Every structure is written in structure tokens, then in C-alpha cells.
Amino acid sequence: MTEKSDGKQQTVVQKMFKEEALMRVNVKLSVVLGRQNLRICQLLKLGRGAVIELNQHIDDSVEVLVNEVPIAKGEVVIDDDNGIGVKISELLMTQQGDKARAGDESDEE
């Protein structure tokens, strides 16, 4: 092999390693059912059995976050074993990426 082909082969191997390594990275996935602002005095009064009203209704979409960044919306589902999950109804990641790119471009002008 020539140096040029060795360089190409090394680049491909490095790229494969980086992609494989990237696929092994853990991320924090959260689902937000709703939000509420409380005063400290209200927070301190909370006890067992307290109910906190959220800004969402039962039929509203929930937010799916990855590392605190909204990536999708979905609906809460319950399986046959009373497990809870989220059925994705809308992906936000591409839309946010497009908005972010558009914002970057306008900053450069």
C-alpha cells in the first residue's frame, strides 16, 4: 500500500471507531408531564399525599427531553402490565436544528 492509501484507510478506521464510540455514549432521557411554579412556603408545606397541580391537561402532549433539550412530543401510554411509556407524536430535533442554523446564519450577516 502507498502512503496515500494508508492515510485513507486510517481515516476510515478512525471514523468507524468514532461512530462506534459515539453510539455507546449514554444520554439522560426525561419526560415532562407538566410544570408548576411554587413559592418556598408552599413547597415546605408539601407532605405525603399532597397533590401538585400541573399546567397540563390529561390529553395534552408531554415533552421528551434529551440532556435537558426538547427533542419530541408524545402521549403517555400504559401497557398491559401497567407499565408507563411515551408514544412519540412529533419530532422537534430537526425543527430546532433548522431554527438554530437559521439563527446562526442571520448572526453572520
PDB file of N, CA and C in Angstrom:
ATOM      1  N   MET A   1       0.838  -1.188   0.000  1.00  0.00           N
ATOM      2  CA  MET A   1       0.000   0.000   0.000  1.00  0.00           C
ATOM      3  C   MET A   1       0.875   1.240   0.000  1.00  0.00           C
ATOM      4  N   THR A   2       0.383   2.257  -0.662  1.00  0.00           N
ATOM      5  CA  THR A   2       1.107   3.524  -0.670  1.00  0.00           C
ATOM      6  C   THR A   2       0.718   4.323   0.573  1.00  0.00           C
ATOM      7  N   GLU A   3       1.494   5.400   0.832  1.00  0.00           N
ATOM      8  CA  GLU A   3       1.186   6.244   1.985  1.00  0.00           C
ATOM      9  C   GLU A   3      -0.203   6.851   1.864  1.00  0.00           C
ATOM     10  N   LYS A   4      -0.561   7.222   0.626  1.00  0.00           N
ATOM     11  CA  LYS A   4      -1.862   7.846   0.408  1.00  0.00           C
ATOM     12  C   LYS A   4      -2.985   6.886   0.772  1.00  0.00           C
ATOM     13  N   SER A   5      -2.889   5.634   0.330  1.00  0.00           N
ATOM     14  CA  SER A   5      -3.952   4.676   0.655  1.00  0.00           C
ATOM     15  C   SER A   5      -3.922   4.342   2.142  1.00  0.00           C
ATOM     16  N   ASP A   6      -2.725   4.320   2.779  1.00  0.00           N
ATOM     17  CA  ASP A   6      -2.647   4.095   4.223  1.00  0.00           C
ATOM     18  C   ASP A   6      -3.366   5.216   4.957  1.00  0.00           C
ATOM     19  N   GLY A   7      -3.198   6.437   4.483  1.00  0.00           N
ATOM     20  CA  GLY A   7      -3.866   7.583   5.094  1.00  0.00           C
ATOM     21  C   GLY A   7      -5.371   7.470   4.988  1.00  0.00           C
ATOM     22  N   LYS A   8      -5.846   7.051   3.818  1.00  0.00           N
ATOM     23  CA  LYS A   8      -7.284   6.870   3.633  1.00  0.00           C
ATOM     24  C   LYS A   8      -7.805   5.775   4.544  1.00  0.00           C
ATOM     25  N   GLN A   9      -7.072   4.666   4.603  1.00  0.00           N
ATOM     26  CA  GLN A   9      -7.509   3.549   5.430  1.00  0.00           C
ATOM     27  C   GLN A   9      -7.548   3.977   6.892  1.00  0.00           C
ATOM     28  N   GLN A  10      -6.561   4.715   7.343  1.00  0.00           N
ATOM     29  CA  GLN A  10      -6.534   5.166   8.725  1.00  0.00           C
ATOM     30  C   GLN A  10      -7.723   6.089   8.999  1.00  0.00           C
ATOM     31  N   THR A  11      -8.048   6.953   8.075  1.00  0.00           N
ATOM     32  CA  THR A  11      -9.182   7.855   8.244  1.00  0.00           C
ATOM     33  C   THR A  11     -10.477   7.069   8.372  1.00  0.00           C
ATOM     34  N   VAL A  12     -10.671   6.050   7.550  1.00  0.00           N
ATOM     35  CA  VAL A  12     -11.873   5.227   7.608  1.00  0.00           C
ATOM     36  C   VAL A  12     -11.943   4.503   8.945  1.00  0.00           C
ATOM     37  N   VAL A  13     -10.839   3.946   9.403  1.00  0.00           N
ATOM     38  CA  VAL A  13     -10.798   3.235  10.679  1.00  0.00           C
ATOM     39  C   VAL A  13     -11.104   4.201  11.825  1.00  0.00           C
ATOM     40  N   GLN A  14     -10.498   5.387  11.787  1.00  0.00           N
ATOM     41  CA  GLN A  14     -10.760   6.379  12.829  1.00  0.00           C
ATOM     42  C   GLN A  14     -12.236   6.775  12.833  1.00  0.00           C
ATOM     43  N   LYS A  15     -12.806   6.975  11.652  1.00  0.00           N
ATOM     44  CA  LYS A  15     -14.208   7.362  11.548  1.00  0.00           C
ATOM     45  C   LYS A  15     -15.104   6.262  12.124  1.00  0.00           C
ATOM     46  N   MET A  16     -14.790   4.998  11.782  1.00  0.00           N
ATOM     47  CA  MET A  16     -15.575   3.882  12.298  1.00  0.00           C
ATOM     48  C   MET A  16     -15.479   3.826  13.812  1.00  0.00           C
ATOM     49  N   PHE A  17     -14.292   4.036  14.366  1.00  0.00           N
ATOM     50  CA  PHE A  17     -14.105   3.999  15.814  1.00  0.00           C
ATOM     51  C   PHE A  17     -14.899   5.119  16.479  1.00  0.00           C
ATOM     52  N   LYS A  18     -14.847   6.325  15.902  1.00  0.00           N
ATOM     53  CA  LYS A  18     -15.564   7.461  16.477  1.00  0.00           C
ATOM     54  C   LYS A  18     -17.067   7.206  16.458  1.00  0.00           C
ATOM     55  N   GLU A  19     -17.600   6.671  15.342  1.00  0.00           N
ATOM     56  CA  GLU A  19     -19.031   6.393  15.249  1.00  0.00           C
ATOM     57  C   GLU A  19     -19.432   5.333  16.259  1.00  0.00           C
ATOM     58  N   GLU A  20     -18.622   4.276  16.393  1.00  0.00           N
ATOM     59  CA  GLU A  20     -18.934   3.219  17.353  1.00  0.00           C
ATOM     60  C   GLU A  20     -18.872   3.768  18.765  1.00  0.00           C
ATOM     61  N   ALA A  21     -17.869   4.572  19.063  1.00  0.00           N
ATOM     62  CA  ALA A  21     -17.735   5.161  20.390  1.00  0.00           C
ATOM     63  C   ALA A  21     -18.913   6.076  20.682  1.00  0.00           C
ATOM     64  N   LEU A  22     -19.330   6.834  19.692  1.00  0.00           N
ATOM     65  CA  LEU A  22     -20.454   7.753  19.862  1.00  0.00           C
ATOM     66  C   LEU A  22     -21.730   6.988  20.189  1.00  0.00           C
ATOM     67  N   MET A  23     -21.931   5.847  19.557  1.00  0.00           N
ATOM     68  CA  MET A  23     -23.141   5.067  19.793  1.00  0.00           C
ATOM     69  C   MET A  23     -23.188   4.491  21.201  1.00  0.00           C
ATOM     70  N   ARG A  24     -22.073   4.484  21.912  1.00  0.00           N
ATOM     71  CA  ARG A  24     -22.027   3.943  23.271  1.00  0.00           C
ATOM     72  C   ARG A  24     -22.187   5.021  24.341  1.00  0.00           C
ATOM     73  N   VAL A  25     -22.318   6.270  23.939  1.00  0.00           N
ATOM     74  CA  VAL A  25     -22.452   7.366  24.892  1.00  0.00           C
ATOM     75  C   VAL A  25     -23.859   7.357  25.487  1.00  0.00           C
ATOM     76  N   ASN A  26     -23.947   7.438  26.809  1.00  0.00           N
ATOM     77  CA  ASN A  26     -25.237   7.498  27.488  1.00  0.00           C
ATOM     78  C   ASN A  26     -25.744   8.930  27.505  1.00  0.00           C
ATOM     79  N   VAL A  27     -27.051   9.090  27.370  1.00  0.00           N
ATOM     80  CA  VAL A  27     -27.690  10.390  27.480  1.00  0.00           C
ATOM     81  C   VAL A  27     -28.812  10.283  28.507  1.00  0.00           C
ATOM     82  N   LYS A  28     -29.205  11.407  29.063  1.00  0.00           N
ATOM     83  CA  LYS A  28     -30.285  11.436  30.043  1.00  0.00           C
ATOM     84  C   LYS A  28     -31.589  11.744  29.316  1.00  0.00           C
ATOM     85  N   LEU A  29     -32.531  10.821  29.353  1.00  0.00           N
ATOM     86  CA  LEU A  29     -33.832  10.992  28.724  1.00  0.00           C
ATOM     87  C   LEU A  29     -34.850  11.302  29.821  1.00  0.00           C
ATOM     88  N   SER A  30     -35.603  12.378  29.648  1.00  0.00           N
ATOM     89  CA  SER A  30     -36.636  12.771  30.611  1.00  0.00           C
ATOM     90  C   SER A  30     -37.931  13.024  29.875  1.00  0.00           C
ATOM     91  N   VAL A  31     -39.033  12.819  30.575  1.00  0.00           N
ATOM     92  CA  VAL A  31     -40.347  13.137  30.037  1.00  0.00           C
ATOM     93  C   VAL A  31     -41.009  14.095  31.020  1.00  0.00           C
ATOM     94  N   VAL A  32     -41.438  15.239  30.509  1.00  0.00           N
ATOM     95  CA  VAL A  32     -42.049  16.258  31.358  1.00  0.00           C
ATOM     96  C   VAL A  32     -43.559  16.167  31.227  1.00  0.00           C
ATOM     97  N   LEU A  33     -44.217  15.818  32.330  1.00  0.00           N
ATOM     98  CA  LEU A  33     -45.676  15.736  32.344  1.00  0.00           C
ATOM     99  C   LEU A  33     -46.305  17.118  32.441  1.00  0.00           C
ATOM    100  N   GLY A  34     -45.621  18.047  33.072  1.00  0.00           N
ATOM    101  CA  GLY A  34     -46.130  19.397  33.245  1.00  0.00           C
ATOM    102  C   GLY A  34     -45.213  20.171  34.171  1.00  0.00           C
ATOM    103  N   ARG A  35     -45.557  21.424  34.380  1.00  0.00           N
ATOM    104  CA  ARG A  35     -44.741  22.291  35.232  1.00  0.00           C
ATOM    105  C   ARG A  35     -45.638  23.088  36.165  1.00  0.00           C
ATOM    106  N   GLN A  36     -45.035  23.582  37.235  1.00  0.00           N
ATOM    107  CA  GLN A  36     -45.730  24.440  38.180  1.00  0.00           C
ATOM    108  C   GLN A  36     -44.713  25.282  38.935  1.00  0.00           C
ATOM    109  N   ASN A  37     -45.021  26.518  39.143  1.00  0.00           N
ATOM    110  CA  ASN A  37     -44.187  27.385  39.984  1.00  0.00           C
ATOM    111  C   ASN A  37     -44.786  27.416  41.382  1.00  0.00           C
ATOM    112  N   LEU A  38     -43.943  27.228  42.371  1.00  0.00           N
ATOM    113  CA  LEU A  38     -44.379  27.264  43.764  1.00  0.00           C
ATOM    114  C   LEU A  38     -43.521  28.252  44.540  1.00  0.00           C
ATOM    115  N   ARG A  39     -44.137  28.864  45.539  1.00  0.00           N
ATOM    116  CA  ARG A  39     -43.354  29.664  46.480  1.00  0.00           C
ATOM    117  C   ARG A  39     -42.686  28.710  47.464  1.00  0.00           C
ATOM    118  N   ILE A  40     -41.619  29.149  48.057  1.00  0.00           N
ATOM    119  CA  ILE A  40     -40.911  28.308  49.038  1.00  0.00           C
ATOM    120  C   ILE A  40     -41.850  27.872  50.159  1.00  0.00           C
ATOM    121  N   CYS A  41     -42.693  28.772  50.628  1.00  0.00           N
ATOM    122  CA  CYS A  41     -43.608  28.408  51.721  1.00  0.00           C
ATOM    123  C   CYS A  41     -44.568  27.294  51.282  1.00  0.00           C
ATOM    124  N   GLN A  42     -44.999  27.302  50.012  1.00  0.00           N
ATOM    125  CA  GLN A  42     -45.870  26.245  49.506  1.00  0.00           C
ATOM    126  C   GLN A  42     -45.103  24.929  49.414  1.00  0.00           C
ATOM    127  N   LEU A  43     -43.862  25.013  48.964  1.00  0.00           N
ATOM    128  CA  LEU A  43     -43.021  23.827  48.853  1.00  0.00           C
ATOM    129  C   LEU A  43     -42.796  23.180  50.215  1.00  0.00           C
ATOM    130  N   LEU A  44     -42.549  23.998  51.217  1.00  0.00           N
ATOM    131  CA  LEU A  44     -42.294  23.484  52.567  1.00  0.00           C
ATOM    132  C   LEU A  44     -43.525  22.842  53.188  1.00  0.00           C
ATOM    133  N   LYS A  45     -44.716  23.212  52.722  1.00  0.00           N
ATOM    134  CA  LYS A  45     -45.961  22.644  53.257  1.00  0.00           C
ATOM    135  C   LYS A  45     -46.307  21.302  52.618  1.00  0.00           C
ATOM    136  N   LEU A  46     -45.622  20.935  51.541  1.00  0.00           N
ATOM    137  CA  LEU A  46     -45.922  19.673  50.870  1.00  0.00           C
ATOM    138  C   LEU A  46     -45.596  18.497  51.773  1.00  0.00           C
ATOM    139  N   GLY A  47     -46.442  17.532  51.752  1.00  0.00           N
ATOM    140  CA  GLY A  47     -46.208  16.320  52.529  1.00  0.00           C
ATOM    141  C   GLY A  47     -46.754  15.125  51.775  1.00  0.00           C
ATOM    142  N   ARG A  48     -46.674  13.993  52.407  1.00  0.00           N
ATOM    143  CA  ARG A  48     -47.176  12.764  51.800  1.00  0.00           C
ATOM    144  C   ARG A  48     -48.647  12.933  51.441  1.00  0.00           C
ATOM    145  N   GLY A  49     -49.005  12.574  50.220  1.00  0.00           N
ATOM    146  CA  GLY A  49     -50.380  12.672  49.767  1.00  0.00           C
ATOM    147  C   GLY A  49     -50.732  14.014  49.143  1.00  0.00           C
ATOM    148  N   ALA A  50     -49.812  14.980  49.188  1.00  0.00           N
ATOM    149  CA  ALA A  50     -50.085  16.289  48.582  1.00  0.00           C
ATOM    150  C   ALA A  50     -50.190  16.133  47.071  1.00  0.00           C
ATOM    151  N   VAL A  51     -51.066  16.921  46.471  1.00  0.00           N
ATOM    152  CA  VAL A  51     -51.245  16.900  45.020  1.00  0.00           C
ATOM    153  C   VAL A  51     -50.779  18.242  44.476  1.00  0.00           C
ATOM    154  N   ILE A  52     -49.887  18.196  43.507  1.00  0.00           N
ATOM    155  CA  ILE A  52     -49.387  19.403  42.865  1.00  0.00           C
ATOM    156  C   ILE A  52     -50.058  19.514  41.506  1.00  0.00           C
ATOM    157  N   GLU A  53     -50.819  20.582  41.313  1.00  0.00           N
ATOM    158  CA  GLU A  53     -51.460  20.798  40.016  1.00  0.00           C
ATOM    159  C   GLU A  53     -50.415  21.234  39.003  1.00  0.00           C
ATOM    160  N   LEU A  54     -50.483  20.631  37.817  1.00  0.00           N
ATOM    161  CA  LEU A  54     -49.553  20.975  36.745  1.00  0.00           C
ATOM    162  C   LEU A  54     -50.268  21.803  35.691  1.00  0.00           C
ATOM    163  N   ASN A  55     -49.499  22.428  34.821  1.00  0.00           N
ATOM    164  CA  ASN A  55     -50.060  23.283  33.773  1.00  0.00           C
ATOM    165  C   ASN A  55     -50.569  22.486  32.575  1.00  0.00           C
ATOM    166  N   GLN A  56     -50.578  21.184  32.644  1.00  0.00           N
ATOM    167  CA  GLN A  56     -51.008  20.323  31.543  1.00  0.00           C
ATOM    168  C   GLN A  56     -52.350  19.680  31.865  1.00  0.00           C
ATOM    169  N   HIS A  57     -53.057  19.302  30.822  1.00  0.00           N
ATOM    170  CA  HIS A  57     -54.287  18.521  30.960  1.00  0.00           C
ATOM    171  C   HIS A  57     -53.986  17.091  30.536  1.00  0.00           C
ATOM    172  N   ILE A  58     -54.860  16.186  30.882  1.00  0.00           N
ATOM    173  CA  ILE A  58     -54.641  14.764  30.629  1.00  0.00           C
ATOM    174  C   ILE A  58     -54.443  14.450  29.146  1.00  0.00           C
ATOM    175  N   ASP A  59     -55.058  15.218  28.258  1.00  0.00           N
ATOM    176  CA  ASP A  59     -54.956  14.956  26.823  1.00  0.00           C
ATOM    177  C   ASP A  59     -53.817  15.725  26.152  1.00  0.00           C
ATOM    178  N   ASP A  60     -53.112  16.573  26.889  1.00  0.00           N
ATOM    179  CA  ASP A  60     -52.014  17.360  26.312  1.00  0.00           C
ATOM    180  C   ASP A  60     -50.797  16.478  26.044  1.00  0.00           C
ATOM    181  N   SER A  61     -49.995  16.898  25.080  1.00  0.00           N
ATOM    182  CA  SER A  61     -48.740  16.204  24.792  1.00  0.00           C
ATOM    183  C   SER A  61     -47.757  16.409  25.935  1.00  0.00           C
ATOM    184  N   VAL A  62     -46.863  15.451  26.097  1.00  0.00           N
ATOM    185  CA  VAL A  62     -45.770  15.585  27.051  1.00  0.00           C
ATOM    186  C   VAL A  62     -44.494  15.878  26.272  1.00  0.00           C
ATOM    187  N   GLU A  63     -43.533  16.500  26.931  1.00  0.00           N
ATOM    188  CA  GLU A  63     -42.250  16.810  26.296  1.00  0.00           C
ATOM    189  C   GLU A  63     -41.257  15.696  26.563  1.00  0.00           C
ATOM    190  N   VAL A  64     -40.497  15.325  25.538  1.00  0.00           N
ATOM    191  CA  VAL A  64     -39.413  14.357  25.686  1.00  0.00           C
ATOM    192  C   VAL A  64     -38.111  15.146  25.554  1.00  0.00           C
ATOM    193  N   LEU A  65     -37.257  15.053  26.582  1.00  0.00           N
ATOM    194  CA  LEU A  65     -36.003  15.795  26.612  1.00  0.00           C
ATOM    195  C   LEU A  65     -34.827  14.831  26.591  1.00  0.00           C
ATOM    196  N   VAL A  66     -33.769  15.222  25.904  1.00  0.00           N
ATOM    197  CA  VAL A  66     -32.502  14.502  25.979  1.00  0.00           C
ATOM    198  C   VAL A  66     -31.470  15.501  26.475  1.00  0.00           C
ATOM    199  N   ASN A  67     -30.883  15.191  27.610  1.00  0.00           N
ATOM    200  CA  ASN A  67     -29.933  16.106  28.260  1.00  0.00           C
ATOM    201  C   ASN A  67     -30.519  17.507  28.385  1.00  0.00           C
ATOM    202  N   GLU A  68     -31.771  17.570  28.833  1.00  0.00           N
ATOM    203  CA  GLU A  68     -32.500  18.822  29.088  1.00  0.00           C
ATOM    204  C   GLU A  68     -32.895  19.584  27.821  1.00  0.00           C
ATOM    205  N   VAL A  69     -32.709  18.997  26.642  1.00  0.00           N
ATOM    206  CA  VAL A  69     -33.065  19.638  25.376  1.00  0.00           C
ATOM    207  C   VAL A  69     -34.310  18.951  24.812  1.00  0.00           C
ATOM    208  N   PRO A  70     -35.399  19.709  24.547  1.00  0.00           N
ATOM    209  CA  PRO A  70     -36.600  19.097  23.977  1.00  0.00           C
ATOM    210  C   PRO A  70     -36.318  18.531  22.580  1.00  0.00           C
ATOM    211  N   ILE A  71     -36.658  17.250  22.389  1.00  0.00           N
ATOM    212  CA  ILE A  71     -36.437  16.621  21.082  1.00  0.00           C
ATOM    213  C   ILE A  71     -37.712  16.093  20.462  1.00  0.00           C
ATOM    214  N   ALA A  72     -38.771  15.924  21.281  1.00  0.00           N
ATOM    215  CA  ALA A  72     -40.006  15.339  20.761  1.00  0.00           C
ATOM    216  C   ALA A  72     -41.177  15.664  21.674  1.00  0.00           C
ATOM    217  N   LYS A  73     -42.372  15.418  21.141  1.00  0.00           N
ATOM    218  CA  LYS A  73     -43.603  15.475  21.921  1.00  0.00           C
ATOM    219  C   LYS A  73     -44.285  14.131  21.763  1.00  0.00           C
ATOM    220  N   GLY A  74     -45.072  13.767  22.752  1.00  0.00           N
ATOM    221  CA  GLY A  74     -45.741  12.484  22.668  1.00  0.00           C
ATOM    222  C   GLY A  74     -46.905  12.393  23.620  1.00  0.00           C
ATOM    223  N   GLU A  75     -47.492  11.201  23.644  1.00  0.00           N
ATOM    224  CA  GLU A  75     -48.619  10.963  24.541  1.00  0.00           C
ATOM    225  C   GLU A  75     -48.272   9.821  25.480  1.00  0.00           C
ATOM    226  N   VAL A  76     -48.740   9.937  26.710  1.00  0.00           N
ATOM    227  CA  VAL A  76     -48.491   8.914  27.717  1.00  0.00           C
ATOM    228  C   VAL A  76     -49.343   7.691  27.384  1.00  0.00           C
ATOM    229  N   VAL A  77     -48.715   6.521  27.427  1.00  0.00           N
ATOM    230  CA  VAL A  77     -49.425   5.261  27.191  1.00  0.00           C
ATOM    231  C   VAL A  77     -49.145   4.305  28.342  1.00  0.00           C
ATOM    232  N   ILE A  78     -50.096   3.432  28.602  1.00  0.00           N
ATOM    233  CA  ILE A  78     -49.952   2.415  29.649  1.00  0.00           C
ATOM    234  C   ILE A  78     -50.082   1.061  28.985  1.00  0.00           C
ATOM    235  N   ASP A  79     -49.110   0.174  29.234  1.00  0.00           N
ATOM    236  CA  ASP A  79     -49.160  -1.144  28.601  1.00  0.00           C
ATOM    237  C   ASP A  79     -49.977  -2.124  29.440  1.00  0.00           C
ATOM    238  N   ASP A  80     -50.068  -3.356  28.983  1.00  0.00           N
ATOM    239  CA  ASP A  80     -50.887  -4.375  29.648  1.00  0.00           C
ATOM    240  C   ASP A  80     -50.410  -4.695  31.060  1.00  0.00           C
ATOM    241  N   ASP A  81     -49.123  -4.478  31.340  1.00  0.00           N
ATOM    242  CA  ASP A  81     -48.566  -4.779  32.660  1.00  0.00           C
ATOM    243  C   ASP A  81     -48.558  -3.547  33.563  1.00  0.00           C
ATOM    244  N   ASN A  82     -49.352  -2.520  33.204  1.00  0.00           N
ATOM    245  CA  ASN A  82     -49.404  -1.246  33.930  1.00  0.00           C
ATOM    246  C   ASN A  82     -48.089  -0.488  33.892  1.00  0.00           C
ATOM    247  N   GLY A  83     -47.255  -0.807  32.915  1.00  0.00           N
ATOM    248  CA  GLY A  83     -46.041  -0.024  32.686  1.00  0.00           C
ATOM    249  C   GLY A  83     -46.423   1.260  31.965  1.00  0.00           C
ATOM    250  N   ILE A  84     -45.605   2.272  32.125  1.00  0.00           N
ATOM    251  CA  ILE A  84     -45.897   3.560  31.516  1.00  0.00           C
ATOM    252  C   ILE A  84     -44.857   3.863  30.450  1.00  0.00           C
ATOM    253  N   GLY A  85     -45.282   4.520  29.387  1.00  0.00           N
ATOM    254  CA  GLY A  85     -44.374   4.869  28.301  1.00  0.00           C
ATOM    255  C   GLY A  85     -44.856   6.116  27.585  1.00  0.00           C
ATOM    256  N   VAL A  86     -44.134   6.486  26.544  1.00  0.00           N
ATOM    257  CA  VAL A  86     -44.499   7.653  25.743  1.00  0.00           C
ATOM    258  C   VAL A  86     -44.498   7.251  24.276  1.00  0.00           C
ATOM    259  N   LYS A  87     -45.600   7.527  23.601  1.00  0.00           N
ATOM    260  CA  LYS A  87     -45.706   7.295  22.168  1.00  0.00           C
ATOM    261  C   LYS A  87     -45.363   8.612  21.482  1.00  0.00           C
ATOM    262  N   ILE A  88     -44.286   8.625  20.705  1.00  0.00           N
ATOM    263  CA  ILE A  88     -43.820   9.846  20.044  1.00  0.00           C
ATOM    264  C   ILE A  88     -44.809  10.256  18.962  1.00  0.00           C
ATOM    265  N   SER A  89     -45.228  11.521  19.007  1.00  0.00           N
ATOM    266  CA  SER A  89     -46.168  12.027  18.009  1.00  0.00           C
ATOM    267  C   SER A  89     -45.548  13.109  17.131  1.00  0.00           C
ATOM    268  N   GLU A  90     -44.473  13.737  17.621  1.00  0.00           N
ATOM    269  CA  GLU A  90     -43.843  14.821  16.858  1.00  0.00           C
ATOM    270  C   GLU A  90     -42.368  14.909  17.227  1.00  0.00           C
ATOM    271  N   LEU A  91     -41.518  14.948  16.211  1.00  0.00           N
ATOM    272  CA  LEU A  91     -40.084  15.133  16.445  1.00  0.00           C
ATOM    273  C   LEU A  91     -39.757  16.618  16.329  1.00  0.00           C
ATOM    274  N   LEU A  92     -39.034  17.132  17.300  1.00  0.00           N
ATOM    275  CA  LEU A  92     -38.677  18.549  17.311  1.00  0.00           C
ATOM    276  C   LEU A  92     -37.222  18.779  16.929  1.00  0.00           C
ATOM    277  N   MET A  93     -36.403  17.748  17.022  1.00  0.00           N
ATOM    278  CA  MET A  93     -34.955  17.884  16.841  1.00  0.00           C
ATOM    279  C   MET A  93     -34.596  18.562  15.527  1.00  0.00           C
ATOM    280  N   THR A  94     -35.170  18.103  14.418  1.00  0.00           N
ATOM    281  CA  THR A  94     -34.832  18.682  13.114  1.00  0.00           C
ATOM    282  C   THR A  94     -35.298  20.115  13.031  1.00  0.00           C
ATOM    283  N   GLN A  95     -36.492  20.381  13.545  1.00  0.00           N
ATOM    284  CA  GLN A  95     -37.019  21.739  13.511  1.00  0.00           C
ATOM    285  C   GLN A  95     -36.124  22.677  14.303  1.00  0.00           C
ATOM    286  N   GLN A  96     -35.682  22.252  15.471  1.00  0.00           N
ATOM    287  CA  GLN A  96     -34.809  23.107  16.285  1.00  0.00           C
ATOM    288  C   GLN A  96     -33.463  23.295  15.615  1.00  0.00           C
ATOM    289  N   GLY A  97     -32.942  22.219  15.002  1.00  0.00           N
ATOM    290  CA  GLY A  97     -31.669  22.317  14.297  1.00  0.00           C
ATOM    291  C   GLY A  97     -31.766  23.305  13.155  1.00  0.00           C
ATOM    292  N   ASP A  98     -32.889  23.256  12.420  1.00  0.00           N
ATOM    293  CA  ASP A  98     -33.094  24.197  11.321  1.00  0.00           C
ATOM    294  C   ASP A  98     -33.187  25.618  11.840  1.00  0.00           C
ATOM    295  N   LYS A  99     -33.910  25.815  12.950  1.00  0.00           N
ATOM    296  CA  LYS A  99     -34.040  27.148  13.542  1.00  0.00           C
ATOM    297  C   LYS A  99     -32.692  27.650  14.026  1.00  0.00           C
ATOM    298  N   ALA A 100     -31.924  26.754  14.659  1.00  0.00           N
ATOM    299  CA  ALA A 100     -30.609  27.147  15.171  1.00  0.00           C
ATOM    300  C   ALA A 100     -29.689  27.542  14.027  1.00  0.00           C
ATOM    301  N   ARG A 101     -29.715  26.754  12.935  1.00  0.00           N
ATOM    302  CA  ARG A 101     -28.885  27.095  11.777  1.00  0.00           C
ATOM    303  C   ARG A 101     -29.308  28.425  11.171  1.00  0.00           C
ATOM    304  N   ALA A 102     -30.616  28.645  11.077  1.00  0.00           N
ATOM    305  CA  ALA A 102     -31.114  29.899  10.523  1.00  0.00           C
ATOM    306  C   ALA A 102     -30.701  31.061  11.396  1.00  0.00           C
ATOM    307  N   GLY A 103     -30.716  30.874  12.717  1.00  0.00           N
ATOM    308  CA  GLY A 103     -30.286  31.920  13.643  1.00  0.00           C
ATOM    309  C   GLY A 103     -28.816  32.199  13.510  1.00  0.00           C
ATOM    310  N   ASP A 104     -27.992  31.138  13.314  1.00  0.00           N
ATOM    311  CA  ASP A 104     -26.545  31.325  13.141  1.00  0.00           C
ATOM    312  C   ASP A 104     -26.239  32.099  11.888  1.00  0.00           C
ATOM    313  N   GLU A 105     -26.980  31.790  10.809  1.00  0.00           N
ATOM    314  CA  GLU A 105     -26.751  32.477   9.539  1.00  0.00           C
ATOM    315  C   GLU A 105     -27.090  33.941   9.643  1.00  0.00           C
ATOM    316  N   SER A 106     -28.183  34.279  10.361  1.00  0.00           N
ATOM    317  CA  SER A 106     -28.569  35.682  10.467  1.00  0.00           C
ATOM    318  C   SER A 106     -27.576  36.452  11.324  1.00  0.00           C
ATOM    319  N   ASP A 107     -26.916  35.768  12.280  1.00  0.00           N
ATOM    320  CA  ASP A 107     -25.908  36.415  13.113  1.00  0.00           C
ATOM    321  C   ASP A 107     -24.666  36.777  12.313  1.00  0.00           C
ATOM    322  N   GLU A 108     -24.376  35.968  11.271  1.00  0.00           N
ATOM    323  CA  GLU A 108     -23.164  36.184  10.487  1.00  0.00           C
ATOM    324  C   GLU A 108     -23.290  37.368   9.562  1.00  0.00           C
ATOM    325  N   GLU A 109     -24.504  37.760   9.206  1.00  0.00           N
ATOM    326  CA  GLU A 109     -24.709  38.849   8.241  1.00  0.00           C
ATOM    327  C   GLU A 109     -24.379  40.186   8.823  1.00  0.00           C
TER     328      GLU A 109
END
